[in-house]
Amino acid sequence: MGFPLAFVALPLYVVLPNYYARTFGVPLATLGAVLLGARLFDAFIDPWLGRWSDRLFARSTATVLAWGAVAAVVLGLGFALLFFPPVREPTPLVVWATLCLMLTYAAFSALSVMHQSWGAMLGGDERQRSRVVAWREGLGLVGVLFASIVPVAFGMQATAALFFVALVLGWLAWRQAPRPLAVLKPSLSPALDSAPLGVSPNHSVPSVWLPFSRPGFRALLAVFMVNGIASAVPATLILFFIQDRLQAPASAEPLFLGSFFLSAAFSIPLWLRAVQRLGLARSWLLGMLLAIAVFVFAATLG
């Protein structure tokens, strides 16, 4: 499932703003507002999606797979509606894009939470967890490579068709994956199982706020938020940078995107060795420092 999730992420976060600006003439300021509003909605519902995912795992992995299939269908439908809108007038088009983005982001987040939680529950030491993440991210990078080439080379219709096929195959492979060992059982926590969504068993503290009581979680969240912003800005602007700053022809766009993500794929074995020597936290810090240096250099191009 890592392949289709990564495959759809590139069109949603990288291709979509450029596609709507170039194809439909939507102003960049309007696109920015639409994307910001949709992402804020996604951020708001994410904690509840996580709580819902916990309940699904508490029932059975079969329940997780069943709802994963539903989320995959909604994701595919939202993708098609987003890139092939039935309206062309400016105001209806913006409204349509906003609603479709909210639907697609919600399905994408639900499927991602269930898929990543599955991997996290497989457990193991740092090396084992690194291998799980490496396989997931490696397949994700393959998906990104395909997504960087297919839209330009074959068009959005072929992209949508390939995405639908990838979703089906990804879900079938997910169904054959090892089952998590650490699955919460409803019988071990009847109060949690019967509590309303977003409310702790004692009905006094909303469960979605409980992690914020831990300093370690707050520190991790701050780093994750800043890191997410740093990743989102170049991902959204890279096509505009290639076209407007570098003045590269459209035929060169797959080469830029493909080489960027192919380099990431080739670096995975090196980062796995770094994790073994330095640990997860220090390797992450090293990666962020390298990213800062590279983007400072990129700012001098053009």
C-alpha atoms as a PDB file:
ATOM      1  CA  MET A   1       0.000   0.000   0.000  1.00  0.00           C
ATOM      2  CA  GLY A   2       3.015   2.265   0.302  1.00  0.00           C
ATOM      3  CA  PHE A   3       3.237   2.485  -3.502  1.00  0.00           C
ATOM      4  CA  PRO A   4      -0.284   3.840  -4.206  1.00  0.00           C
ATOM      5  CA  LEU A   5      -0.226   6.183  -1.192  1.00  0.00           C
ATOM      6  CA  ALA A   6       3.033   7.733  -2.377  1.00  0.00           C
ATOM      7  CA  PHE A   7       1.881   7.656  -5.993  1.00  0.00           C
ATOM      8  CA  VAL A   8      -1.189   9.772  -5.204  1.00  0.00           C
ATOM      9  CA  ALA A   9       0.669  12.115  -2.846  1.00  0.00           C
ATOM     10  CA  LEU A  10       2.776  13.644  -5.614  1.00  0.00           C
ATOM     11  CA  PRO A  11      -0.199  14.643  -7.812  1.00  0.00           C
ATOM     12  CA  LEU A  12      -2.083  15.975  -4.781  1.00  0.00           C
ATOM     13  CA  TYR A  13       0.719  18.033  -3.303  1.00  0.00           C
ATOM     14  CA  VAL A  14       2.934  18.850  -6.309  1.00  0.00           C
ATOM     15  CA  VAL A  15       0.985  18.507  -9.575  1.00  0.00           C
ATOM     16  CA  LEU A  16      -2.427  19.807  -8.443  1.00  0.00           C
ATOM     17  CA  PRO A  17      -1.517  23.491  -7.813  1.00  0.00           C
ATOM     18  CA  ASN A  18       0.339  23.727 -11.122  1.00  0.00           C
ATOM     19  CA  TYR A  19      -2.393  21.771 -12.939  1.00  0.00           C
ATOM     20  CA  TYR A  20      -5.224  24.046 -11.776  1.00  0.00           C
ATOM     21  CA  ALA A  21      -3.176  27.194 -12.414  1.00  0.00           C
ATOM     22  CA  ARG A  22      -2.070  26.202 -15.931  1.00  0.00           C
ATOM     23  CA  THR A  23      -5.144  24.285 -17.122  1.00  0.00           C
ATOM     24  CA  PHE A  24      -8.029  26.207 -15.548  1.00  0.00           C
ATOM     25  CA  GLY A  25      -6.383  29.562 -14.855  1.00  0.00           C
ATOM     26  CA  VAL A  26      -7.121  29.545 -11.130  1.00  0.00           C
ATOM     27  CA  PRO A  27      -5.115  32.333  -9.394  1.00  0.00           C
ATOM     28  CA  LEU A  28      -2.273  31.126  -7.200  1.00  0.00           C
ATOM     29  CA  ALA A  29      -3.605  33.094  -4.223  1.00  0.00           C
ATOM     30  CA  THR A  30      -6.951  31.301  -4.517  1.00  0.00           C
ATOM     31  CA  LEU A  31      -5.226  27.939  -4.858  1.00  0.00           C
ATOM     32  CA  GLY A  32      -3.164  28.690  -1.759  1.00  0.00           C
ATOM     33  CA  ALA A  33      -6.281  29.504   0.248  1.00  0.00           C
ATOM     34  CA  VAL A  34      -8.041  26.337  -0.956  1.00  0.00           C
ATOM     35  CA  LEU A  35      -5.052  24.142  -0.146  1.00  0.00           C
ATOM     36  CA  LEU A  36      -4.589  25.768   3.268  1.00  0.00           C
ATOM     37  CA  GLY A  37      -8.257  25.339   4.167  1.00  0.00           C
ATOM     38  CA  ALA A  38      -8.292  21.699   3.061  1.00  0.00           C
ATOM     39  CA  ARG A  39      -5.092  20.935   4.970  1.00  0.00           C
ATOM     40  CA  LEU A  40      -6.423  22.616   8.126  1.00  0.00           C
ATOM     41  CA  PHE A  41      -9.556  20.474   7.864  1.00  0.00           C
ATOM     42  CA  ASP A  42      -7.348  17.416   7.456  1.00  0.00           C
ATOM     43  CA  ALA A  43      -5.266  18.393  10.491  1.00  0.00           C
ATOM     44  CA  PHE A  44      -8.432  18.877  12.548  1.00  0.00           C
ATOM     45  CA  ILE A  45      -9.853  15.423  11.794  1.00  0.00           C
ATOM     46  CA  ASP A  46      -6.559  13.515  12.038  1.00  0.00           C
ATOM     47  CA  PRO A  47      -6.764  12.903  15.834  1.00  0.00           C
ATOM     48  CA  TRP A  48     -10.250  11.474  15.448  1.00  0.00           C
ATOM     49  CA  LEU A  49      -9.099   9.316  12.562  1.00  0.00           C
ATOM     50  CA  GLY A  50      -6.352   7.998  14.832  1.00  0.00           C
ATOM     51  CA  ARG A  51      -8.853   7.199  17.598  1.00  0.00           C
ATOM     52  CA  TRP A  52     -11.133   5.529  15.070  1.00  0.00           C
ATOM     53  CA  SER A  53      -8.182   3.488  13.784  1.00  0.00           C
ATOM     54  CA  ASP A  54      -7.446   2.316  17.352  1.00  0.00           C
ATOM     55  CA  ARG A  55     -11.001   1.051  17.648  1.00  0.00           C
ATOM     56  CA  LEU A  56     -10.733  -0.798  14.359  1.00  0.00           C
ATOM     57  CA  PHE A  57      -7.540  -2.529  15.499  1.00  0.00           C
ATOM     58  CA  ALA A  58      -9.247  -3.350  18.786  1.00  0.00           C
ATOM     59  CA  ARG A  59     -11.870  -5.301  16.872  1.00  0.00           C
ATOM     60  CA  SER A  60      -9.677  -7.214  14.429  1.00  0.00           C
ATOM     61  CA  THR A  61      -7.218  -6.784  11.612  1.00  0.00           C
ATOM     62  CA  ALA A  62      -9.954  -7.954   9.248  1.00  0.00           C
ATOM     63  CA  THR A  63     -12.010  -4.905  10.259  1.00  0.00           C
ATOM     64  CA  VAL A  64      -9.014  -2.678   9.542  1.00  0.00           C
ATOM     65  CA  LEU A  65      -8.623  -4.227   6.099  1.00  0.00           C
ATOM     66  CA  ALA A  66     -12.323  -3.838   5.338  1.00  0.00           C
ATOM     67  CA  TRP A  67     -12.363  -0.146   6.233  1.00  0.00           C
ATOM     68  CA  GLY A  68      -9.043   0.248   4.438  1.00  0.00           C
ATOM     69  CA  ALA A  69     -10.774  -0.963   1.288  1.00  0.00           C
ATOM     70  CA  VAL A  70     -13.561   1.596   1.793  1.00  0.00           C
ATOM     71  CA  ALA A  71     -11.013   4.385   2.279  1.00  0.00           C
ATOM     72  CA  ALA A  72      -9.176   3.257  -0.871  1.00  0.00           C
ATOM     73  CA  VAL A  73     -12.383   3.433  -2.926  1.00  0.00           C
ATOM     74  CA  VAL A  74     -13.174   6.926  -1.598  1.00  0.00           C
ATOM     75  CA  LEU A  75      -9.594   8.027  -2.269  1.00  0.00           C
ATOM     76  CA  GLY A  76      -9.735   6.817  -5.865  1.00  0.00           C
ATOM     77  CA  LEU A  77     -13.110   8.471  -6.411  1.00  0.00           C
ATOM     78  CA  GLY A  78     -11.940  11.763  -4.900  1.00  0.00           C
ATOM     79  CA  PHE A  79      -8.805  11.740  -7.063  1.00  0.00           C
ATOM     80  CA  ALA A  80     -10.822  11.277 -10.251  1.00  0.00           C
ATOM     81  CA  LEU A  81     -13.340  13.983  -9.316  1.00  0.00           C
ATOM     82  CA  LEU A  82     -10.533  16.370  -8.425  1.00  0.00           C
ATOM     83  CA  PHE A  83      -8.549  16.093 -11.649  1.00  0.00           C
ATOM     84  CA  PHE A  84     -11.561  15.708 -13.964  1.00  0.00           C
ATOM     85  CA  PRO A  85     -14.042  18.295 -12.669  1.00  0.00           C
ATOM     86  CA  PRO A  86     -17.429  18.544 -14.409  1.00  0.00           C
ATOM     87  CA  VAL A  87     -17.429  22.352 -14.057  1.00  0.00           C
ATOM     88  CA  ARG A  88     -15.153  24.997 -15.585  1.00  0.00           C
ATOM     89  CA  GLU A  89     -16.543  28.308 -14.318  1.00  0.00           C
ATOM     90  CA  PRO A  90     -14.184  29.949 -11.793  1.00  0.00           C
ATOM     91  CA  THR A  91     -16.378  30.044  -8.681  1.00  0.00           C
ATOM     92  CA  PRO A  92     -18.017  26.600  -9.059  1.00  0.00           C
ATOM     93  CA  LEU A  93     -14.600  25.148  -9.922  1.00  0.00           C
ATOM     94  CA  VAL A  94     -13.035  26.519  -6.727  1.00  0.00           C
ATOM     95  CA  VAL A  95     -15.932  25.187  -4.633  1.00  0.00           C
ATOM     96  CA  TRP A  96     -15.695  21.801  -6.367  1.00  0.00           C
ATOM     97  CA  ALA A  97     -11.937  21.626  -5.817  1.00  0.00           C
ATOM     98  CA  THR A  98     -12.328  22.515  -2.133  1.00  0.00           C
ATOM     99  CA  LEU A  99     -14.925  19.821  -1.475  1.00  0.00           C
ATOM    100  CA  CYS A 100     -13.044  17.188  -3.464  1.00  0.00           C
ATOM    101  CA  LEU A 101      -9.792  18.045  -1.683  1.00  0.00           C
ATOM    102  CA  MET A 102     -11.447  17.657   1.723  1.00  0.00           C
ATOM    103  CA  LEU A 103     -12.873  14.281   0.687  1.00  0.00           C
ATOM    104  CA  THR A 104      -9.595  13.092  -0.831  1.00  0.00           C
ATOM    105  CA  TYR A 105      -7.443  14.286   2.073  1.00  0.00           C
ATOM    106  CA  ALA A 106      -9.763  12.605   4.589  1.00  0.00           C
ATOM    107  CA  ALA A 107      -9.609   9.277   2.730  1.00  0.00           C
ATOM    108  CA  PHE A 108      -5.838   9.593   2.229  1.00  0.00           C
ATOM    109  CA  SER A 109      -5.278  10.318   5.934  1.00  0.00           C
ATOM    110  CA  ALA A 110      -7.534   7.481   7.080  1.00  0.00           C
ATOM    111  CA  LEU A 111      -5.782   4.986   4.827  1.00  0.00           C
ATOM    112  CA  SER A 112      -2.329   6.282   5.800  1.00  0.00           C
ATOM    113  CA  VAL A 113      -3.083   6.109   9.531  1.00  0.00           C
ATOM    114  CA  MET A 114      -4.308   2.531   9.300  1.00  0.00           C
ATOM    115  CA  HIS A 115      -1.406   1.463   7.099  1.00  0.00           C
ATOM    116  CA  GLN A 116       1.301   3.111   9.210  1.00  0.00           C
ATOM    117  CA  SER A 117      -0.278   1.916  12.469  1.00  0.00           C
ATOM    118  CA  TRP A 118      -0.175  -1.621  11.105  1.00  0.00           C
ATOM    119  CA  GLY A 119       3.571  -1.312  10.565  1.00  0.00           C
ATOM    120  CA  ALA A 120       4.157   0.299  13.965  1.00  0.00           C
ATOM    121  CA  MET A 121       2.297  -2.520  15.721  1.00  0.00           C
ATOM    122  CA  LEU A 122       4.610  -5.106  14.189  1.00  0.00           C
ATOM    123  CA  GLY A 123       7.055  -4.046  16.937  1.00  0.00           C
ATOM    124  CA  GLY A 124      10.695  -5.054  17.156  1.00  0.00           C
ATOM    125  CA  ASP A 125      13.884  -3.198  18.023  1.00  0.00           C
ATOM    126  CA  GLU A 126      15.269  -0.135  16.220  1.00  0.00           C
ATOM    127  CA  ARG A 127      16.788  -2.264  13.459  1.00  0.00           C
ATOM    128  CA  GLN A 128      13.556  -4.169  12.853  1.00  0.00           C
ATOM    129  CA  ARG A 129      11.472  -0.982  12.838  1.00  0.00           C
ATOM    130  CA  SER A 130      13.970   0.615  10.465  1.00  0.00           C
ATOM    131  CA  ARG A 131      13.597  -2.312   8.058  1.00  0.00           C
ATOM    132  CA  VAL A 132       9.815  -2.021   8.128  1.00  0.00           C
ATOM    133  CA  VAL A 133       9.988   1.712   7.456  1.00  0.00           C
ATOM    134  CA  ALA A 134      12.640   1.207   4.779  1.00  0.00           C
ATOM    135  CA  TRP A 135      10.453  -1.250   2.853  1.00  0.00           C
ATOM    136  CA  ARG A 136       7.433   1.024   3.152  1.00  0.00           C
ATOM    137  CA  GLU A 137       9.364   4.142   2.164  1.00  0.00           C
ATOM    138  CA  GLY A 138      11.239   2.285  -0.567  1.00  0.00           C
ATOM    139  CA  LEU A 139       7.995   1.237  -2.228  1.00  0.00           C
ATOM    140  CA  GLY A 140       6.760   4.761  -1.613  1.00  0.00           C
ATOM    141  CA  LEU A 141       9.721   6.176  -3.494  1.00  0.00           C
ATOM    142  CA  VAL A 142       9.001   3.835  -6.403  1.00  0.00           C
ATOM    143  CA  GLY A 143       5.451   5.187  -6.380  1.00  0.00           C
ATOM    144  CA  VAL A 144       6.767   8.758  -6.374  1.00  0.00           C
ATOM    145  CA  LEU A 145       9.071   7.977  -9.306  1.00  0.00           C
ATOM    146  CA  PHE A 146       6.142   6.641 -11.316  1.00  0.00           C
ATOM    147  CA  ALA A 147       4.020   9.640 -10.319  1.00  0.00           C
ATOM    148  CA  SER A 148       6.740  12.042 -11.462  1.00  0.00           C
ATOM    149  CA  ILE A 149       6.864  10.519 -14.942  1.00  0.00           C
ATOM    150  CA  VAL A 150       3.379   9.210 -15.805  1.00  0.00           C
ATOM    151  CA  PRO A 151       1.381  12.502 -15.680  1.00  0.00           C
ATOM    152  CA  VAL A 152       3.787  14.304 -18.014  1.00  0.00           C
ATOM    153  CA  ALA A 153       4.496  11.357 -20.306  1.00  0.00           C
ATOM    154  CA  PHE A 154       1.001   9.830 -20.564  1.00  0.00           C
ATOM    155  CA  GLY A 155      -1.455  12.384 -19.150  1.00  0.00           C
ATOM    156  CA  MET A 156      -3.783  12.477 -16.166  1.00  0.00           C
ATOM    157  CA  GLN A 157      -6.176   9.819 -17.514  1.00  0.00           C
ATOM    158  CA  ALA A 158      -3.395   7.242 -17.603  1.00  0.00           C
ATOM    159  CA  THR A 159      -2.276   8.449 -14.171  1.00  0.00           C
ATOM    160  CA  ALA A 160      -5.748   7.890 -12.731  1.00  0.00           C
ATOM    161  CA  ALA A 161      -6.002   4.427 -14.313  1.00  0.00           C
ATOM    162  CA  LEU A 162      -2.609   3.393 -12.955  1.00  0.00           C
ATOM    163  CA  PHE A 163      -3.561   4.716  -9.531  1.00  0.00           C
ATOM    164  CA  PHE A 164      -6.751   2.627  -9.457  1.00  0.00           C
ATOM    165  CA  VAL A 165      -4.807  -0.511 -10.376  1.00  0.00           C
ATOM    166  CA  ALA A 166      -2.148   0.283  -7.749  1.00  0.00           C
ATOM    167  CA  LEU A 167      -4.816   0.708  -5.055  1.00  0.00           C
ATOM    168  CA  VAL A 168      -6.300  -2.710  -5.805  1.00  0.00           C
ATOM    169  CA  LEU A 169      -2.924  -4.467  -5.897  1.00  0.00           C
ATOM    170  CA  GLY A 170      -1.732  -2.593  -2.823  1.00  0.00           C
ATOM    171  CA  TRP A 171      -4.754  -3.631  -0.792  1.00  0.00           C
ATOM    172  CA  LEU A 172      -4.364  -7.268  -1.891  1.00  0.00           C
ATOM    173  CA  ALA A 173      -0.707  -7.206  -0.821  1.00  0.00           C
ATOM    174  CA  TRP A 174      -1.677  -5.565   2.483  1.00  0.00           C
ATOM    175  CA  ARG A 175      -4.124  -8.388   3.136  1.00  0.00           C
ATOM    176  CA  GLN A 176      -1.250 -10.895   2.843  1.00  0.00           C
ATOM    177  CA  ALA A 177       1.068  -8.910   5.152  1.00  0.00           C
ATOM    178  CA  PRO A 178       2.086 -10.190   8.631  1.00  0.00           C
ATOM    179  CA  ARG A 179      -0.510  -9.433  11.277  1.00  0.00           C
ATOM    180  CA  PRO A 180       0.424  -7.020  14.097  1.00  0.00           C
ATOM    181  CA  LEU A 181       1.290  -8.661  17.391  1.00  0.00           C
ATOM    182  CA  ALA A 182       0.280  -5.724  19.595  1.00  0.00           C
ATOM    183  CA  VAL A 183      -3.411  -5.374  18.812  1.00  0.00           C
ATOM    184  CA  LEU A 184      -5.601  -3.875  21.536  1.00  0.00           C
ATOM    185  CA  LYS A 185      -8.371  -6.206  22.605  1.00  0.00           C
ATOM    186  CA  PRO A 186     -11.742  -4.711  23.529  1.00  0.00           C
ATOM    187  CA  SER A 187     -12.039  -7.118  26.433  1.00  0.00           C
ATOM    188  CA  LEU A 188      -8.874  -5.680  27.974  1.00  0.00           C
ATOM    189  CA  SER A 189     -10.336  -2.174  28.001  1.00  0.00           C
ATOM    190  CA  PRO A 190     -14.148  -2.259  27.993  1.00  0.00           C
ATOM    191  CA  ALA A 191     -14.380   1.342  29.155  1.00  0.00           C
ATOM    192  CA  LEU A 192     -12.310   2.535  26.216  1.00  0.00           C
ATOM    193  CA  ASP A 193     -14.333   0.456  23.796  1.00  0.00           C
ATOM    194  CA  SER A 194     -17.624   1.915  25.021  1.00  0.00           C
ATOM    195  CA  ALA A 195     -16.435   5.528  25.428  1.00  0.00           C
ATOM    196  CA  PRO A 196     -17.674   8.094  22.914  1.00  0.00           C
ATOM    197  CA  LEU A 197     -15.249   9.048  20.182  1.00  0.00           C
ATOM    198  CA  GLY A 198     -12.813  11.660  21.506  1.00  0.00           C
ATOM    199  CA  VAL A 199     -13.622  11.110  25.184  1.00  0.00           C
ATOM    200  CA  SER A 200     -11.476   9.248  27.691  1.00  0.00           C
ATOM    201  CA  PRO A 201     -12.977   6.380  29.728  1.00  0.00           C
ATOM    202  CA  ASN A 202     -13.429   8.595  32.817  1.00  0.00           C
ATOM    203  CA  HIS A 203     -15.310  11.189  30.677  1.00  0.00           C
ATOM    204  CA  SER A 204     -13.215  14.002  32.163  1.00  0.00           C
ATOM    205  CA  VAL A 205     -10.421  14.633  29.652  1.00  0.00           C
ATOM    206  CA  PRO A 206     -10.804  14.449  25.857  1.00  0.00           C
ATOM    207  CA  SER A 207      -8.599  11.575  24.769  1.00  0.00           C
ATOM    208  CA  VAL A 208      -7.245  13.453  21.777  1.00  0.00           C
ATOM    209  CA  TRP A 209      -5.561  15.902  24.171  1.00  0.00           C
ATOM    210  CA  LEU A 210      -3.999  13.305  26.455  1.00  0.00           C
ATOM    211  CA  PRO A 211      -0.694  13.067  24.522  1.00  0.00           C
ATOM    212  CA  PHE A 212      -0.150  16.808  24.969  1.00  0.00           C
ATOM    213  CA  SER A 213       0.315  16.238  28.683  1.00  0.00           C
ATOM    214  CA  ARG A 214       3.656  14.579  27.925  1.00  0.00           C
ATOM    215  CA  PRO A 215       6.621  16.939  27.343  1.00  0.00           C
ATOM    216  CA  GLY A 216       8.317  14.430  25.053  1.00  0.00           C
ATOM    217  CA  PHE A 217       5.292  14.333  22.748  1.00  0.00           C
ATOM    218  CA  ARG A 218       5.042  18.126  22.635  1.00  0.00           C
ATOM    219  CA  ALA A 219       8.715  18.405  21.700  1.00  0.00           C
ATOM    220  CA  LEU A 220       8.363  15.742  19.001  1.00  0.00           C
ATOM    221  CA  LEU A 221       5.233  17.415  17.635  1.00  0.00           C
ATOM    222  CA  ALA A 222       7.009  20.770  17.394  1.00  0.00           C
ATOM    223  CA  VAL A 223       9.895  19.242  15.454  1.00  0.00           C
ATOM    224  CA  PHE A 224       7.498  17.276  13.248  1.00  0.00           C
ATOM    225  CA  MET A 225       5.439  20.405  12.483  1.00  0.00           C
ATOM    226  CA  VAL A 226       8.453  22.500  11.527  1.00  0.00           C
ATOM    227  CA  ASN A 227       9.875  19.634   9.486  1.00  0.00           C
ATOM    228  CA  GLY A 228       6.503  19.176   7.759  1.00  0.00           C
ATOM    229  CA  ILE A 229       6.352  22.849   6.780  1.00  0.00           C
ATOM    230  CA  ALA A 230       9.902  22.663   5.450  1.00  0.00           C
ATOM    231  CA  SER A 231       8.943  19.644   3.323  1.00  0.00           C
ATOM    232  CA  ALA A 232       5.622  21.056   2.127  1.00  0.00           C
ATOM    233  CA  VAL A 233       6.964  24.360   0.785  1.00  0.00           C
ATOM    234  CA  PRO A 234       9.402  22.906  -1.788  1.00  0.00           C
ATOM    235  CA  ALA A 235       6.987  20.095  -2.667  1.00  0.00           C
ATOM    236  CA  THR A 236       4.285  22.630  -3.564  1.00  0.00           C
ATOM    237  CA  LEU A 237       6.598  25.023  -5.409  1.00  0.00           C
ATOM    238  CA  ILE A 238       9.014  22.681  -7.173  1.00  0.00           C
ATOM    239  CA  LEU A 239       7.191  22.663 -10.531  1.00  0.00           C
ATOM    240  CA  PHE A 240       6.878  26.442 -10.454  1.00  0.00           C
ATOM    241  CA  PHE A 241      10.590  26.617  -9.606  1.00  0.00           C
ATOM    242  CA  ILE A 242      11.491  24.368 -12.540  1.00  0.00           C
ATOM    243  CA  GLN A 243       9.278  26.243 -14.991  1.00  0.00           C
ATOM    244  CA  ASP A 244       9.630  29.852 -13.878  1.00  0.00           C
ATOM    245  CA  ARG A 245      13.014  30.067 -12.131  1.00  0.00           C
ATOM    246  CA  LEU A 246      15.044  27.547 -14.120  1.00  0.00           C
ATOM    247  CA  GLN A 247      13.067  28.148 -17.337  1.00  0.00           C
ATOM    248  CA  ALA A 248      13.265  24.416 -18.103  1.00  0.00           C
ATOM    249  CA  PRO A 249      11.079  22.945 -20.876  1.00  0.00           C
ATOM    250  CA  ALA A 250       8.083  20.833 -19.908  1.00  0.00           C
ATOM    251  CA  SER A 251       9.805  17.736 -21.272  1.00  0.00           C
ATOM    252  CA  ALA A 252      12.524  18.120 -18.601  1.00  0.00           C
ATOM    253  CA  GLU A 253      10.126  18.093 -15.647  1.00  0.00           C
ATOM    254  CA  PRO A 254      10.091  14.282 -15.259  1.00  0.00           C
ATOM    255  CA  LEU A 255      13.905  14.325 -15.272  1.00  0.00           C
ATOM    256  CA  PHE A 256      14.029  16.839 -12.429  1.00  0.00           C
ATOM    257  CA  LEU A 257      11.393  15.079 -10.329  1.00  0.00           C
ATOM    258  CA  GLY A 258      12.641  11.596 -11.157  1.00  0.00           C
ATOM    259  CA  SER A 259      16.276  12.352 -10.302  1.00  0.00           C
ATOM    260  CA  PHE A 260      15.215  14.003  -7.047  1.00  0.00           C
ATOM    261  CA  PHE A 261      13.293  10.980  -5.797  1.00  0.00           C
ATOM    262  CA  LEU A 262      15.630   8.413  -7.352  1.00  0.00           C
ATOM    263  CA  SER A 263      18.457   9.901  -5.286  1.00  0.00           C
ATOM    264  CA  ALA A 264      16.299   9.441  -2.207  1.00  0.00           C
ATOM    265  CA  ALA A 265      15.706   5.789  -3.116  1.00  0.00           C
ATOM    266  CA  PHE A 266      19.412   5.084  -3.592  1.00  0.00           C
ATOM    267  CA  SER A 267      20.204   6.703  -0.239  1.00  0.00           C
ATOM    268  CA  ILE A 268      17.991   4.342   1.793  1.00  0.00           C
ATOM    269  CA  PRO A 269      20.751   1.726   2.418  1.00  0.00           C
ATOM    270  CA  LEU A 270      23.078   4.505   3.582  1.00  0.00           C
ATOM    271  CA  TRP A 271      20.499   5.828   6.029  1.00  0.00           C
ATOM    272  CA  LEU A 272      19.859   2.339   7.369  1.00  0.00           C
ATOM    273  CA  ARG A 273      23.571   2.076   8.155  1.00  0.00           C
ATOM    274  CA  ALA A 274      23.469   5.515   9.731  1.00  0.00           C
ATOM    275  CA  VAL A 275      20.600   4.410  11.983  1.00  0.00           C
ATOM    276  CA  GLN A 276      22.602   1.382  13.106  1.00  0.00           C
ATOM    277  CA  ARG A 277      25.610   3.570  13.968  1.00  0.00           C
ATOM    278  CA  LEU A 278      23.990   6.797  15.170  1.00  0.00           C
ATOM    279  CA  GLY A 279      20.445   5.846  16.177  1.00  0.00           C
ATOM    280  CA  LEU A 280      17.134   7.113  14.825  1.00  0.00           C
ATOM    281  CA  ALA A 281      17.129  10.589  16.390  1.00  0.00           C
ATOM    282  CA  ARG A 282      20.671  11.543  15.355  1.00  0.00           C
ATOM    283  CA  SER A 283      20.151  10.194  11.850  1.00  0.00           C
ATOM    284  CA  TRP A 284      17.004  12.279  11.522  1.00  0.00           C
ATOM    285  CA  LEU A 285      18.889  15.377  12.695  1.00  0.00           C
ATOM    286  CA  LEU A 286      21.660  14.688  10.194  1.00  0.00           C
ATOM    287  CA  GLY A 287      19.101  14.377   7.406  1.00  0.00           C
ATOM    288  CA  MET A 288      17.533  17.725   8.296  1.00  0.00           C
ATOM    289  CA  LEU A 289      20.929  19.460   8.337  1.00  0.00           C
ATOM    290  CA  LEU A 290      21.767  18.033   4.913  1.00  0.00           C
ATOM    291  CA  ALA A 291      18.378  19.173   3.571  1.00  0.00           C
ATOM    292  CA  ILE A 292      19.001  22.716   4.843  1.00  0.00           C
ATOM    293  CA  ALA A 293      22.391  22.863   3.130  1.00  0.00           C
ATOM    294  CA  VAL A 294      20.993  21.583  -0.179  1.00  0.00           C
ATOM    295  CA  PHE A 295      18.070  24.013  -0.254  1.00  0.00           C
ATOM    296  CA  VAL A 296      20.361  26.942   0.525  1.00  0.00           C
ATOM    297  CA  PHE A 297      22.363  25.922  -2.544  1.00  0.00           C
ATOM    298  CA  ALA A 298      19.158  25.552  -4.623  1.00  0.00           C
ATOM    299  CA  ALA A 299      18.217  29.124  -3.805  1.00  0.00           C
ATOM    300  CA  THR A 300      21.260  30.309  -5.768  1.00  0.00           C
ATOM    301  CA  LEU A 301      20.188  28.564  -8.995  1.00  0.00           C
ATOM    302  CA  GLY A 302      18.443  30.254 -11.881  1.00  0.00           C
END
